[in-house]
Protein backbone atom coordinates (compact mmCIF):
# COMPACT_ATOMS: atom_id res chain seq x y z
CA UNK A 1 0.01 0.00 0.08
CA UNK A 2 2.91 2.42 -0.41
CA UNK A 3 2.29 4.83 -3.01
CA UNK A 4 5.95 6.08 -3.87
CA UNK A 5 6.28 7.02 -7.43
CA UNK A 6 10.08 6.76 -8.14
CA UNK A 7 13.10 9.10 -8.70
CA UNK A 8 12.84 11.24 -11.42
CA UNK A 9 15.90 9.71 -13.07
CA UNK A 10 14.13 6.57 -13.19
CA UNK A 11 11.79 7.88 -16.02
CA UNK A 12 14.59 9.85 -17.68
CA UNK A 13 16.30 6.47 -17.84
CA UNK A 14 13.48 5.08 -19.57
CA UNK A 15 13.05 7.87 -22.09
CA UNK A 16 16.98 7.45 -22.79
CA UNK A 17 16.83 3.61 -23.04
CA UNK A 18 15.03 3.38 -26.34
CA UNK A 19 15.03 6.46 -27.01
CA UNK A 20 11.39 6.38 -25.84
CA UNK A 21 10.17 9.72 -26.43
CA UNK A 22 7.23 10.81 -24.15
CA UNK A 23 8.44 8.80 -20.96
CA UNK A 24 10.71 11.17 -19.23
CA UNK A 25 9.93 12.34 -15.82
CA UNK A 26 8.59 15.75 -17.30
CA UNK A 27 6.31 13.64 -19.57
CA UNK A 28 4.93 11.38 -16.96
CA UNK A 29 4.54 13.75 -14.10
CA UNK A 30 1.20 15.19 -15.31
CA UNK A 31 -0.07 11.75 -15.16
CA UNK A 32 0.99 11.24 -11.67
CA UNK A 33 -0.47 14.53 -10.62
CA UNK A 34 -3.62 14.05 -12.45
CA UNK A 35 -4.15 10.49 -10.88
CA UNK A 36 -4.00 12.01 -7.40
CA UNK A 37 -6.60 13.14 -4.82
CA UNK A 38 -3.83 13.94 -2.39
CA UNK A 39 -4.91 14.68 0.97
CA UNK A 40 -2.15 17.04 1.81
CA UNK A 41 -3.50 19.38 -1.25
CA UNK A 42 -2.41 20.52 -4.63
CA UNK A 43 0.96 21.66 -5.40
CA UNK A 44 3.31 21.25 -8.52
CA UNK A 45 4.15 17.65 -7.35
CA UNK A 46 0.73 16.72 -6.36
CA UNK A 47 -2.92 16.79 -7.51
CA UNK A 48 -6.59 16.74 -5.98
CA UNK A 49 -9.73 15.46 -7.26
CA UNK A 50 -8.04 12.54 -9.00
CA UNK A 51 -9.33 9.22 -8.69
CA UNK A 52 -6.57 7.56 -6.38
CA UNK A 53 -6.65 8.66 -2.67
CA UNK A 54 -3.00 9.19 -1.50
CA UNK A 55 -2.62 10.10 2.40
CA UNK A 56 0.32 10.27 4.78
CA UNK A 57 -0.13 8.06 7.81
CA UNK A 58 -1.11 10.29 11.04
CA UNK A 59 1.11 10.44 14.01
CA UNK A 60 -1.40 8.91 16.28
CA UNK A 61 -1.45 5.70 13.94
CA UNK A 62 2.05 5.26 14.14
CA UNK A 63 3.57 1.99 15.50
CA UNK A 64 6.45 2.94 17.90
CA UNK A 65 9.09 1.03 16.30
CA UNK A 66 8.12 3.00 12.97
CA UNK A 67 8.73 6.07 14.99
CA UNK A 68 12.06 4.54 16.34
CA UNK A 69 13.24 3.50 12.88
CA UNK A 70 12.90 7.20 11.47
CA UNK A 71 14.53 8.73 14.65
CA UNK A 72 17.29 6.24 14.33
CA UNK A 73 17.80 7.00 10.72
CA UNK A 74 18.23 10.88 11.57
CA UNK A 75 20.47 9.98 14.60
CA UNK A 76 22.98 8.16 12.09
CA UNK A 77 22.92 11.30 9.85
CA UNK A 78 20.32 10.26 7.06
CA UNK A 79 18.38 13.22 5.92
CA UNK A 80 14.33 13.38 6.52
CA UNK A 81 12.03 13.41 3.84
CA UNK A 82 8.49 14.31 4.27
CA UNK A 83 7.52 13.72 0.74
CA UNK A 84 8.91 10.73 -1.20
CA UNK A 85 6.97 11.82 -4.24
CA UNK A 86 8.48 15.33 -4.26
CA UNK A 87 11.76 16.72 -5.22
CA UNK A 88 13.53 13.32 -4.12
CA UNK A 89 13.02 10.04 -2.83
CA UNK A 90 16.04 10.00 -0.74
CA UNK A 91 16.14 10.08 3.17
CA UNK A 92 13.88 8.58 6.00
CA UNK A 93 10.27 9.09 6.80
CA UNK A 94 6.82 7.69 6.66
CA UNK A 95 5.77 6.63 3.17
CA UNK A 96 2.73 7.98 1.42
CA UNK A 97 0.09 5.24 1.15
CA UNK A 98 -2.90 4.52 -0.92
CA UNK A 99 -5.30 3.90 2.15
CA UNK A 100 -8.56 5.83 2.74
CA UNK A 101 -10.40 5.44 5.97
CA UNK A 102 -8.48 2.11 6.70
CA UNK A 103 -9.41 0.71 3.25
CA UNK A 104 -6.79 0.09 0.67
CA UNK A 105 -7.30 2.18 -2.61
CA UNK A 106 -6.83 -0.46 -5.31
CA UNK A 107 -7.10 0.29 -8.81
CA UNK A 108 -10.48 -1.64 -8.90
CA UNK A 109 -11.75 0.71 -6.13
CA UNK A 110 -10.45 4.02 -7.53
CA UNK A 111 -10.51 3.60 -11.28
CA UNK A 112 -12.87 0.76 -12.51
CA UNK A 113 -15.72 0.31 -9.96
CA UNK A 114 -16.87 4.03 -10.16
CA UNK A 115 -17.46 3.47 -14.10
CA UNK A 116 -18.23 -0.15 -14.11
CA UNK A 117 -21.83 0.47 -15.09
CA UNK A 118 -20.87 2.66 -18.03
CA UNK A 119 -22.46 1.91 -21.57
CA UNK A 120 -20.00 0.07 -23.71
CA UNK A 121 -17.86 -1.47 -20.70
CA UNK A 122 -18.40 -4.93 -20.02
CA UNK A 123 -16.40 -6.56 -16.78
CA UNK A 124 -16.16 -10.12 -16.92
CA UNK A 125 -14.56 -12.25 -14.29
CA UNK A 126 -13.58 -15.93 -14.36
CA UNK A 127 -13.03 -15.48 -18.19
CA UNK A 128 -9.46 -16.74 -18.66
CA UNK A 129 -7.76 -15.84 -22.06
CA UNK A 130 -6.27 -18.66 -23.64
CA UNK A 131 -4.58 -16.94 -26.79
CA UNK A 132 -4.71 -13.82 -28.77
CA UNK A 133 -6.33 -14.07 -32.31
CA UNK A 134 -4.08 -12.75 -35.28
CA UNK A 135 -4.70 -12.57 -38.84
CA UNK A 136 -1.76 -11.65 -40.75
CA UNK A 137 0.11 -8.98 -38.81
CA UNK A 138 -3.03 -7.91 -36.92
CA UNK A 139 -4.29 -8.96 -33.69
CA UNK A 140 -8.05 -9.28 -33.90
CA UNK A 141 -9.34 -10.38 -30.54
CA UNK A 142 -8.96 -13.01 -27.91
CA UNK A 143 -9.97 -16.51 -27.57
CA UNK A 144 -10.95 -17.53 -24.04
CA UNK A 145 -10.25 -21.05 -22.28
CA UNK A 146 -13.71 -21.92 -22.74
CA UNK A 147 -13.14 -21.39 -26.68
CA UNK A 148 -15.22 -18.46 -26.89
CA UNK A 149 -13.86 -15.71 -29.10
CA UNK A 150 -14.12 -12.06 -28.48
CA UNK A 151 -13.32 -9.82 -31.44
CA UNK A 152 -11.84 -6.32 -31.09
CA UNK A 153 -13.34 -3.43 -33.16
CA UNK A 154 -9.98 -1.40 -32.65
CA UNK A 155 -7.31 -3.02 -30.65
CA UNK A 156 -6.54 -5.35 -27.92
CA UNK A 157 -4.53 -4.10 -24.82
CA UNK A 158 -2.86 -6.56 -22.68
CA UNK A 159 -2.57 -5.57 -19.03
CA UNK A 160 -1.80 -9.12 -17.28
CA UNK A 161 1.36 -8.26 -15.56
CA UNK A 162 4.88 -9.28 -16.06
CA UNK A 163 4.31 -13.05 -15.80
CA UNK A 164 1.03 -13.49 -17.60
CA UNK A 165 1.49 -10.93 -20.41
CA UNK A 166 4.51 -12.68 -21.78
CA UNK A 167 2.56 -16.03 -21.24
CA UNK A 168 -0.28 -14.84 -23.54
CA UNK A 169 2.06 -13.72 -26.16
CA UNK A 170 4.02 -16.97 -26.05
CA UNK A 171 0.93 -18.89 -26.05
CA UNK A 172 -0.24 -17.18 -29.06
CA UNK A 173 3.12 -17.91 -30.93
CA UNK A 174 4.29 -14.33 -30.62
CA UNK A 175 8.10 -14.71 -28.99
CA UNK A 176 11.52 -16.05 -29.71
CA UNK A 177 10.90 -18.30 -32.85
CA UNK A 178 13.21 -21.04 -32.09
CA UNK A 179 11.92 -21.66 -28.31
CA UNK A 180 8.25 -21.61 -29.69
CA UNK A 181 9.10 -24.28 -32.13
CA UNK A 182 10.96 -26.16 -29.58
CA UNK A 183 7.93 -26.42 -27.54
CA UNK A 184 5.46 -27.28 -30.24
CA UNK A 185 4.03 -23.58 -30.75
CA UNK A 186 3.35 -22.36 -34.32
CA UNK A 187 5.33 -19.10 -34.72
CA UNK A 188 3.16 -16.20 -35.77
CA UNK A 189 5.43 -13.43 -34.93
CA UNK A 190 9.29 -13.70 -34.11
CA UNK A 191 9.86 -11.22 -31.24
CA UNK A 192 12.98 -12.50 -29.28
CA UNK A 193 12.61 -9.91 -26.28
CA UNK A 194 9.16 -11.66 -25.15
CA UNK A 195 9.71 -13.11 -21.74
CA UNK A 196 13.42 -11.85 -21.35
CA UNK A 197 14.79 -8.98 -18.97
CA UNK A 198 12.78 -10.46 -16.15
CA UNK A 199 13.89 -8.48 -12.93
CA UNK A 200 12.61 -7.96 -9.45
CA UNK A 201 13.54 -6.09 -6.20
CA UNK A 202 15.03 -8.54 -3.67
CA UNK A 203 15.24 -7.87 0.11
CA UNK A 204 15.93 -9.82 3.34
CA UNK A 205 15.25 -9.26 7.06
CA UNK A 206 17.48 -8.20 9.87
CA UNK A 207 15.30 -9.55 12.71
CA UNK A 208 15.50 -8.16 16.43
CA UNK A 209 13.51 -9.59 19.22
CA UNK A 210 11.71 -6.82 21.16
CA UNK A 211 12.20 -5.90 24.84
CA UNK A 212 8.77 -5.34 25.49
CA UNK A 213 5.41 -6.27 23.85
CA UNK A 214 4.91 -4.84 20.33
CA UNK A 215 1.69 -3.12 19.76
CA UNK A 216 -0.17 -4.53 16.73
CA UNK A 217 -0.10 -2.70 13.58
CA UNK A 218 -2.84 -0.33 12.48
CA UNK A 219 -1.90 0.44 9.02
CA UNK A 220 0.17 -1.65 6.51
CA UNK A 221 3.13 -3.41 8.23
CA UNK A 222 5.86 -1.27 6.77
CA UNK A 223 4.92 2.48 7.56
CA UNK A 224 8.39 3.96 7.51
CA UNK A 225 11.32 3.60 5.27
CA UNK A 226 14.80 4.86 4.23
CA UNK A 227 16.23 5.40 0.66
CA UNK A 228 19.90 5.65 0.31
CA UNK A 229 22.93 5.13 -1.61
CA UNK A 230 24.98 2.34 -1.62
CA UNK A 231 28.93 3.19 -1.41
CA UNK A 232 29.40 2.27 -5.15
CA UNK A 233 26.44 4.16 -6.42
CA UNK A 234 27.59 7.50 -4.06
CA UNK A 235 31.00 7.15 -5.63
CA UNK A 236 29.85 7.23 -8.99
CA UNK A 237 27.74 10.32 -8.27
CA UNK A 238 24.54 8.73 -9.60
CA UNK A 239 21.48 10.43 -8.46
CA UNK A 240 19.03 7.75 -7.37
CA UNK A 241 19.12 5.94 -4.21
CA UNK A 242 19.44 2.11 -4.67
CA UNK A 243 19.01 0.86 -1.27
CA UNK A 244 15.66 0.88 0.46
CA UNK A 245 15.41 -0.11 4.26
CA UNK A 246 12.12 -0.54 5.53
CA UNK A 247 10.95 -1.03 9.28
CA UNK A 248 8.53 -4.04 9.51
CA UNK A 249 6.89 -4.48 12.78
CA UNK A 250 6.67 -8.10 12.67
CA UNK A 251 9.38 -10.71 12.25
CA UNK A 252 10.14 -10.87 8.34
CA UNK A 253 12.18 -13.59 6.99
CA UNK A 254 12.48 -16.59 4.71
CA UNK A 255 11.20 -19.99 5.45
CA UNK A 256 14.88 -21.22 6.19
CA UNK A 257 14.72 -19.34 9.44
CA UNK A 258 12.77 -18.72 12.64
CA UNK A 259 12.41 -15.67 14.98
CA UNK A 260 10.42 -14.89 18.15
CA UNK A 261 6.81 -13.74 17.46
CA UNK A 262 7.42 -10.78 19.68
CA UNK A 263 10.24 -9.25 16.78
CA UNK A 264 10.63 -6.44 14.54
CA UNK A 265 12.69 -6.15 11.26
CA UNK A 266 15.03 -3.90 9.72
CA UNK A 267 14.47 -5.05 5.95
CA UNK A 268 17.26 -3.74 3.41
CA UNK A 269 16.46 -4.39 -0.27
CA UNK A 270 18.32 -3.56 -3.54
CA UNK A 271 16.16 -1.68 -5.90
CA UNK A 272 18.20 -1.65 -9.05
CA UNK A 273 19.11 -5.35 -9.10
CA UNK A 274 21.39 -6.19 -11.93
CA UNK A 275 20.54 -9.75 -12.37
CA UNK A 276 18.17 -10.91 -15.16
CA UNK A 277 15.91 -13.77 -15.70
CA UNK A 278 13.24 -14.86 -17.91
CA UNK A 279 9.58 -16.61 -18.46
CA UNK A 280 9.68 -19.31 -21.10
CA UNK A 281 7.10 -21.69 -22.31
CA UNK A 282 6.80 -25.28 -21.53
CA UNK A 283 5.58 -27.80 -23.74
CA UNK A 284 2.65 -28.24 -21.57
CA UNK A 285 1.69 -24.76 -21.82
CA UNK A 286 2.84 -23.81 -18.45
CA UNK A 287 5.66 -21.63 -17.64
CA UNK A 288 9.26 -21.98 -16.38
CA UNK A 289 9.93 -18.54 -14.54
CA UNK A 290 13.54 -18.35 -13.78
CA UNK A 291 13.93 -15.11 -11.71
CA UNK A 292 17.86 -15.83 -11.52
CA UNK A 293 18.04 -13.82 -8.22
CA UNK A 294 21.47 -12.85 -7.29
CA UNK A 295 23.08 -13.97 -10.39
CA UNK A 296 25.13 -10.65 -10.41
CA UNK A 297 27.46 -10.62 -7.35
CA UNK A 298 27.08 -6.79 -7.20
CA UNK A 299 23.38 -7.56 -5.96
CA UNK A 300 24.93 -9.90 -3.31
CA UNK A 301 27.53 -6.96 -2.19
CA UNK A 302 24.40 -4.72 -2.19
CA UNK A 303 22.42 -7.00 0.26
CA UNK A 304 25.60 -7.51 2.41
CA UNK A 305 26.03 -3.55 2.57
CA UNK A 306 22.43 -3.40 3.24
CA UNK A 307 22.99 -5.69 6.37
CA UNK A 308 25.36 -3.46 7.49
CA UNK A 309 23.35 -0.15 7.31
CA UNK A 310 20.58 -2.07 8.90
CA UNK A 311 22.57 -3.08 12.05
CA UNK A 312 23.98 0.66 12.26
CA UNK A 313 20.54 1.85 12.20
CA UNK A 314 19.11 -0.97 14.53
CA UNK A 315 21.86 -0.25 17.11
CA UNK A 316 20.98 3.49 17.33
CA UNK A 317 20.03 4.89 20.76
CA UNK A 318 16.10 5.50 19.27
CA UNK A 319 15.79 1.63 19.34
CA UNK A 320 17.03 1.29 23.19
CA UNK A 321 13.55 0.84 24.72
CA UNK A 322 12.64 -1.83 21.95
CA UNK A 323 15.76 -3.81 21.18
CA UNK A 324 16.56 -6.92 22.90
CA UNK A 325 18.81 -8.80 20.58
CA UNK A 326 19.56 -9.39 16.97
CA UNK A 327 17.96 -12.51 15.99
CA UNK A 328 19.09 -12.56 12.17
CA UNK A 329 21.46 -12.79 10.81
CA UNK A 330 22.75 -13.03 14.69
CA UNK A 331 25.60 -11.21 15.88
CA UNK A 332 28.21 -14.02 15.22
CA UNK A 333 27.49 -13.48 11.47
CA UNK A 334 30.28 -10.81 10.58
CA UNK A 335 32.67 -12.37 7.83
CA UNK A 336 32.16 -12.22 4.31
CA UNK A 337 31.61 -15.91 3.85
CA UNK A 338 29.07 -16.01 6.63
CA UNK A 339 27.22 -12.89 5.35
CA UNK A 340 27.14 -14.43 1.77
CA UNK A 341 25.99 -17.85 3.12
CA UNK A 342 23.01 -15.78 5.20
CA UNK A 343 21.96 -13.68 1.83
CA UNK A 344 21.88 -16.82 -0.22
CA UNK A 345 19.16 -18.37 2.32
CA UNK A 346 17.56 -15.05 3.46
CA UNK A 347 17.05 -13.12 0.25
CA UNK A 348 13.40 -13.14 -0.90
CA UNK A 349 11.45 -11.09 -3.35
CA UNK A 350 9.47 -8.06 -2.97
CA UNK A 351 6.79 -9.53 -5.56
CA UNK A 352 7.60 -6.63 -7.90
CA UNK A 353 8.48 -8.33 -11.20
CA UNK A 354 8.96 -6.16 -14.16
CA UNK A 355 10.56 -6.07 -17.69
CA UNK A 356 9.50 -9.17 -19.50
CA UNK A 357 8.19 -7.23 -22.54
CA UNK A 358 10.41 -4.25 -22.26
CA UNK A 359 9.68 -0.79 -24.40
CA UNK A 360 12.26 0.18 -26.77
CA UNK A 361 13.40 0.55 -30.20
CA UNK A 362 16.29 -2.17 -30.31
CA UNK A 363 16.05 -5.69 -31.41
CA UNK A 364 15.05 -6.99 -27.73
CA UNK A 365 12.11 -4.69 -27.43
CA UNK A 366 8.88 -5.84 -27.32
CA UNK A 367 6.87 -2.81 -27.30
CA UNK A 368 7.56 0.65 -28.87
CA UNK A 369 7.37 4.07 -27.10
CA UNK A 370 3.54 3.78 -27.88
CA UNK A 371 3.07 0.71 -26.21
CA UNK A 372 2.58 -1.23 -29.60
CA UNK A 373 3.76 -4.64 -29.78
CA UNK A 374 6.38 -4.40 -32.42
CA UNK A 375 5.86 -5.78 -35.83
CA UNK A 376 2.16 -6.34 -35.04
CA UNK A 377 -1.06 -4.17 -35.44
CA UNK A 378 -3.99 -3.94 -33.05
CA UNK A 379 -1.84 -4.76 -29.79
CA UNK A 380 -0.56 -2.95 -26.96
CA UNK A 381 0.64 -3.87 -23.42
CA UNK A 382 0.38 -1.62 -20.50
CA UNK A 383 1.57 -3.11 -17.30
CA UNK A 384 4.92 -3.52 -15.19
CA UNK A 385 6.18 -6.03 -18.17
CA UNK A 386 6.87 -2.67 -20.36
CA UNK A 387 9.37 -1.11 -17.96
CA UNK A 388 12.86 -1.41 -19.45
CA UNK A 389 14.30 -0.91 -15.91
CA UNK A 390 12.24 -1.21 -12.72
CA UNK A 391 11.79 2.04 -10.72
CA UNK A 392 13.60 2.02 -7.48
CA UNK A 393 10.55 1.93 -5.22
CA UNK A 394 7.41 -0.04 -4.80
CA UNK A 395 6.14 -0.10 -8.46
CA UNK A 396 2.42 0.39 -7.68
CA UNK A 397 2.24 4.28 -8.46
CA UNK A 398 4.30 3.77 -11.61
CA UNK A 399 2.14 1.12 -12.93
CA UNK A 400 -0.94 3.04 -12.47
CA UNK A 401 0.74 5.82 -14.28
CA UNK A 402 1.47 3.36 -17.18
CA UNK A 403 -2.24 2.90 -17.18
CA UNK A 404 -2.89 6.36 -17.35
CA UNK A 405 -0.23 6.91 -20.03
CA UNK A 406 -1.56 4.05 -22.17
CA UNK A 407 -5.29 5.55 -21.91
CA UNK A 408 -3.77 8.89 -23.28
CA UNK A 409 -1.97 7.08 -26.10
CA UNK A 410 -5.19 5.28 -27.06
CA UNK A 411 -7.68 8.19 -26.65
CA UNK A 412 -5.38 11.21 -27.52
CA UNK A 413 -7.03 12.69 -24.35
CA UNK A 414 -4.00 14.22 -22.17
CA UNK A 415 -4.03 14.70 -18.33
CA UNK A 416 -6.31 17.24 -17.08
CA UNK A 417 -3.54 19.37 -15.31
CA UNK A 418 -0.23 20.39 -16.75
CA UNK A 419 2.46 19.80 -14.20
CA UNK A 420 5.20 22.79 -14.37
CA UNK A 421 8.17 20.68 -13.14
CA UNK A 422 9.92 20.03 -16.40
CA UNK A 423 13.29 19.98 -15.01
CA UNK A 424 12.33 18.84 -11.42
């Protein structure tokens, strides 16, 4: 339920990667502003009256360990950040959330439910799509698992996510020709990048047993967060923080470990992973999903640095009333070999897969800057799969923006408001 957009350089990198005109921060900021109904009011960075309610967690609702985390970060010299969707995402503070009156503001609630009865819109559930229908170089509709065919008057827009969007293309014969033939699928369109470039945020838990009973959470379990630079990124002068550290006021760890129930977690994660995986079709129509986590040693090094940073924050005076002992990795886990062994067992996904139908203009790109599938007519993709690189934050806000951008590309209708921070 964190609603953090991403650093401005994330979107500038998208624009430069293709190149992909129309996707720089200056281009997408109006969509972010237009989407918001921000309880803090309107500003060049924020909007009111939009469909997505964005709130700031109120002081009286904060878990005390969340308060201790922010205080500990400031104690250790990290800057405070009162608005992660403002000028920068760097620093420590309480993240903006998509929560209104204790109800999660998901995209169904905010965007689709209010218009579900509109003429011309039919919402169907339980209608699994088996494949796309293609005639020549044009996608003409979809075939459901039941055999029913639904034809498109203008185009088909696939929004099935970073796993199921490539799955649908591959099942439809759209993807790497040699791999499709190997699993018995007739090649409709050779597109080598489908299912490639799979990447995901990876994190782990530095867990502390609490010295007193922890009060239950009243919001999402991760209210406060720190975004900061790794030593490598800082030395290169790169603009966006690449380590995210969250306070989780319950024990958070992989199944290989255990921790006392009355524990809290300082959870470091790497938000610009270098490792890349894939989504491939199997002969039975299923998927081989290989996230390939930690294949690049830079990701391991980043998590080890995140552990050191988390221990530094966890040992601050601000945590003194709450800190009993470090449970994970454990105070004896200090050598490089021991830390690497811990990372190998403890690393877990944020569940933020992206990039498998990446936007661009090169040979491996799947969609162009208009989100049209390259080499085909009548087909677009609009979800996390089109990200050439993952944004360095929880991606919910950026994915919602992709939907807004896709709507503008299809209809020609631009956002209601024009943001005035072209160089923010």
